[in-house]
């Protein structure tokens, strides 16, 4: 990250090159990302994962292994944070 201002809540990447395929079984999303956080602003006590919601071009990154939604990952990001993502998803 090169510039940031008071991040909080969900962390997402928008504008993926292809739209995620809608799944016939009704699942809202397909977990598909391997994520590595380096030099976070604060400890991420669990693992980081990601998913792409069906019929969108948005990848959501979440803290896994929590009892809640894990939707507070942006709290751990600052200008020194590097994020590596390997993402696979089915396209429409």
C-alpha atoms as a PDB file:
ATOM      1  CA  UNK A   1       0.000   0.000   0.000  1.00  0.00           C
ATOM      2  CA  UNK A   2       1.361   3.407  -0.869  1.00  0.00           C
ATOM      3  CA  UNK A   3      -1.395   5.610   0.588  1.00  0.00           C
ATOM      4  CA  UNK A   4      -4.077   4.896   3.154  1.00  0.00           C
ATOM      5  CA  UNK A   5      -6.343   6.811   5.531  1.00  0.00           C
ATOM      6  CA  UNK A   6      -7.954   5.256   8.645  1.00  0.00           C
ATOM      7  CA  UNK A   7      -8.844   1.826   7.268  1.00  0.00           C
ATOM      8  CA  UNK A   8     -11.513  -0.204   9.042  1.00  0.00           C
ATOM      9  CA  UNK A   9     -13.945  -3.016   8.324  1.00  0.00           C
ATOM     10  CA  UNK A  10     -13.941  -5.177   5.219  1.00  0.00           C
ATOM     11  CA  UNK A  11     -11.021  -5.360   2.818  1.00  0.00           C
ATOM     12  CA  UNK A  12     -11.844  -5.950  -0.829  1.00  0.00           C
ATOM     13  CA  UNK A  13     -10.360  -5.816  -4.291  1.00  0.00           C
ATOM     14  CA  UNK A  14     -12.781  -4.634  -6.922  1.00  0.00           C
ATOM     15  CA  UNK A  15     -12.646  -4.753 -10.700  1.00  0.00           C
ATOM     16  CA  UNK A  16     -11.372  -8.291 -11.279  1.00  0.00           C
ATOM     17  CA  UNK A  17     -11.010  -8.952 -15.017  1.00  0.00           C
ATOM     18  CA  UNK A  18     -13.840 -11.512 -15.186  1.00  0.00           C
ATOM     19  CA  UNK A  19     -17.245 -11.860 -13.515  1.00  0.00           C
ATOM     20  CA  UNK A  20     -17.590 -14.798 -11.128  1.00  0.00           C
ATOM     21  CA  UNK A  21     -20.024 -17.448 -12.331  1.00  0.00           C
ATOM     22  CA  UNK A  22     -23.318 -17.809 -10.443  1.00  0.00           C
ATOM     23  CA  UNK A  23     -23.375 -21.235  -8.781  1.00  0.00           C
ATOM     24  CA  UNK A  24     -26.332 -23.525  -9.462  1.00  0.00           C
ATOM     25  CA  UNK A  25     -26.281 -24.860  -5.878  1.00  0.00           C
ATOM     26  CA  UNK A  26     -27.120 -21.447  -4.411  1.00  0.00           C
ATOM     27  CA  UNK A  27     -23.885 -20.722  -2.553  1.00  0.00           C
ATOM     28  CA  UNK A  28     -23.238 -17.000  -2.243  1.00  0.00           C
ATOM     29  CA  UNK A  29     -19.511 -17.309  -2.884  1.00  0.00           C
ATOM     30  CA  UNK A  30     -16.727 -19.689  -3.696  1.00  0.00           C
ATOM     31  CA  UNK A  31     -13.734 -19.601  -1.296  1.00  0.00           C
ATOM     32  CA  UNK A  32     -10.843 -19.357  -3.681  1.00  0.00           C
ATOM     33  CA  UNK A  33      -7.961 -17.217  -2.433  1.00  0.00           C
ATOM     34  CA  UNK A  34      -4.700 -17.965  -0.708  1.00  0.00           C
ATOM     35  CA  UNK A  35      -3.547 -14.771   0.993  1.00  0.00           C
ATOM     36  CA  UNK A  36      -0.241 -13.812   2.619  1.00  0.00           C
ATOM     37  CA  UNK A  37      -0.025 -10.634   4.707  1.00  0.00           C
ATOM     38  CA  UNK A  38       3.387  -9.135   5.405  1.00  0.00           C
ATOM     39  CA  UNK A  39       4.255  -6.185   7.654  1.00  0.00           C
ATOM     40  CA  UNK A  40       0.676  -5.698   8.838  1.00  0.00           C
ATOM     41  CA  UNK A  41      -0.147  -2.726  11.080  1.00  0.00           C
ATOM     42  CA  UNK A  42      -1.132  -5.171  13.843  1.00  0.00           C
ATOM     43  CA  UNK A  43      -1.138  -8.924  14.402  1.00  0.00           C
ATOM     44  CA  UNK A  44      -3.632 -11.013  12.466  1.00  0.00           C
ATOM     45  CA  UNK A  45      -4.099 -13.814  15.019  1.00  0.00           C
ATOM     46  CA  UNK A  46      -5.712 -16.234  12.563  1.00  0.00           C
ATOM     47  CA  UNK A  47      -5.339 -16.948   8.876  1.00  0.00           C
ATOM     48  CA  UNK A  48      -6.438 -14.722   5.990  1.00  0.00           C
ATOM     49  CA  UNK A  49      -8.659 -16.072   3.238  1.00  0.00           C
ATOM     50  CA  UNK A  50     -10.633 -14.635   0.353  1.00  0.00           C
ATOM     51  CA  UNK A  51     -13.649 -15.267  -1.823  1.00  0.00           C
ATOM     52  CA  UNK A  52     -15.387 -13.845  -4.866  1.00  0.00           C
ATOM     53  CA  UNK A  53     -19.142 -13.345  -4.649  1.00  0.00           C
ATOM     54  CA  UNK A  54     -21.064 -14.847  -7.540  1.00  0.00           C
ATOM     55  CA  UNK A  55     -22.008 -12.552 -10.435  1.00  0.00           C
ATOM     56  CA  UNK A  56     -19.483  -9.903  -9.309  1.00  0.00           C
ATOM     57  CA  UNK A  57     -15.905  -8.844  -9.990  1.00  0.00           C
ATOM     58  CA  UNK A  58     -15.131  -8.298  -6.281  1.00  0.00           C
ATOM     59  CA  UNK A  59     -12.758 -10.312  -4.105  1.00  0.00           C
ATOM     60  CA  UNK A  60     -13.327 -10.033  -0.354  1.00  0.00           C
ATOM     61  CA  UNK A  61     -10.495 -10.750   2.059  1.00  0.00           C
ATOM     62  CA  UNK A  62     -11.400 -11.926   5.536  1.00  0.00           C
ATOM     63  CA  UNK A  63      -9.750 -13.106   8.707  1.00  0.00           C
ATOM     64  CA  UNK A  64     -10.586 -16.788   9.059  1.00  0.00           C
ATOM     65  CA  UNK A  65     -10.950 -18.907  12.165  1.00  0.00           C
ATOM     66  CA  UNK A  66     -13.062 -16.374  14.059  1.00  0.00           C
ATOM     67  CA  UNK A  67     -16.496 -16.683  15.635  1.00  0.00           C
ATOM     68  CA  UNK A  68     -17.668 -13.601  13.720  1.00  0.00           C
ATOM     69  CA  UNK A  69     -17.602 -12.607  10.064  1.00  0.00           C
ATOM     70  CA  UNK A  70     -13.880 -11.812  10.022  1.00  0.00           C
ATOM     71  CA  UNK A  71     -14.791  -8.595   8.245  1.00  0.00           C
ATOM     72  CA  UNK A  72     -12.319  -6.360  10.079  1.00  0.00           C
ATOM     73  CA  UNK A  73      -9.186  -7.113   8.087  1.00  0.00           C
ATOM     74  CA  UNK A  74      -8.727  -3.516   6.895  1.00  0.00           C
ATOM     75  CA  UNK A  75      -7.919  -2.611  10.508  1.00  0.00           C
ATOM     76  CA  UNK A  76      -4.600  -4.482  10.082  1.00  0.00           C
ATOM     77  CA  UNK A  77      -3.450  -2.593   6.962  1.00  0.00           C
ATOM     78  CA  UNK A  78      -1.158   0.414   6.745  1.00  0.00           C
ATOM     79  CA  UNK A  79       1.223   1.870   4.157  1.00  0.00           C
ATOM     80  CA  UNK A  80       3.881  -0.736   4.929  1.00  0.00           C
ATOM     81  CA  UNK A  81       1.603  -3.742   4.424  1.00  0.00           C
ATOM     82  CA  UNK A  82       2.251  -6.056   1.491  1.00  0.00           C
ATOM     83  CA  UNK A  83      -0.486  -8.479   0.419  1.00  0.00           C
ATOM     84  CA  UNK A  84       0.149 -11.464  -1.846  1.00  0.00           C
ATOM     85  CA  UNK A  85      -2.924 -13.193  -3.298  1.00  0.00           C
ATOM     86  CA  UNK A  86      -3.339 -16.349  -5.353  1.00  0.00           C
ATOM     87  CA  UNK A  87      -6.905 -16.415  -6.657  1.00  0.00           C
ATOM     88  CA  UNK A  88      -8.901 -18.938  -8.645  1.00  0.00           C
ATOM     89  CA  UNK A  89     -12.590 -18.703  -9.435  1.00  0.00           C
ATOM     90  CA  UNK A  90     -15.094 -19.881 -12.031  1.00  0.00           C
ATOM     91  CA  UNK A  91     -16.035 -17.245 -14.577  1.00  0.00           C
ATOM     92  CA  UNK A  92     -19.416 -16.545 -16.121  1.00  0.00           C
END
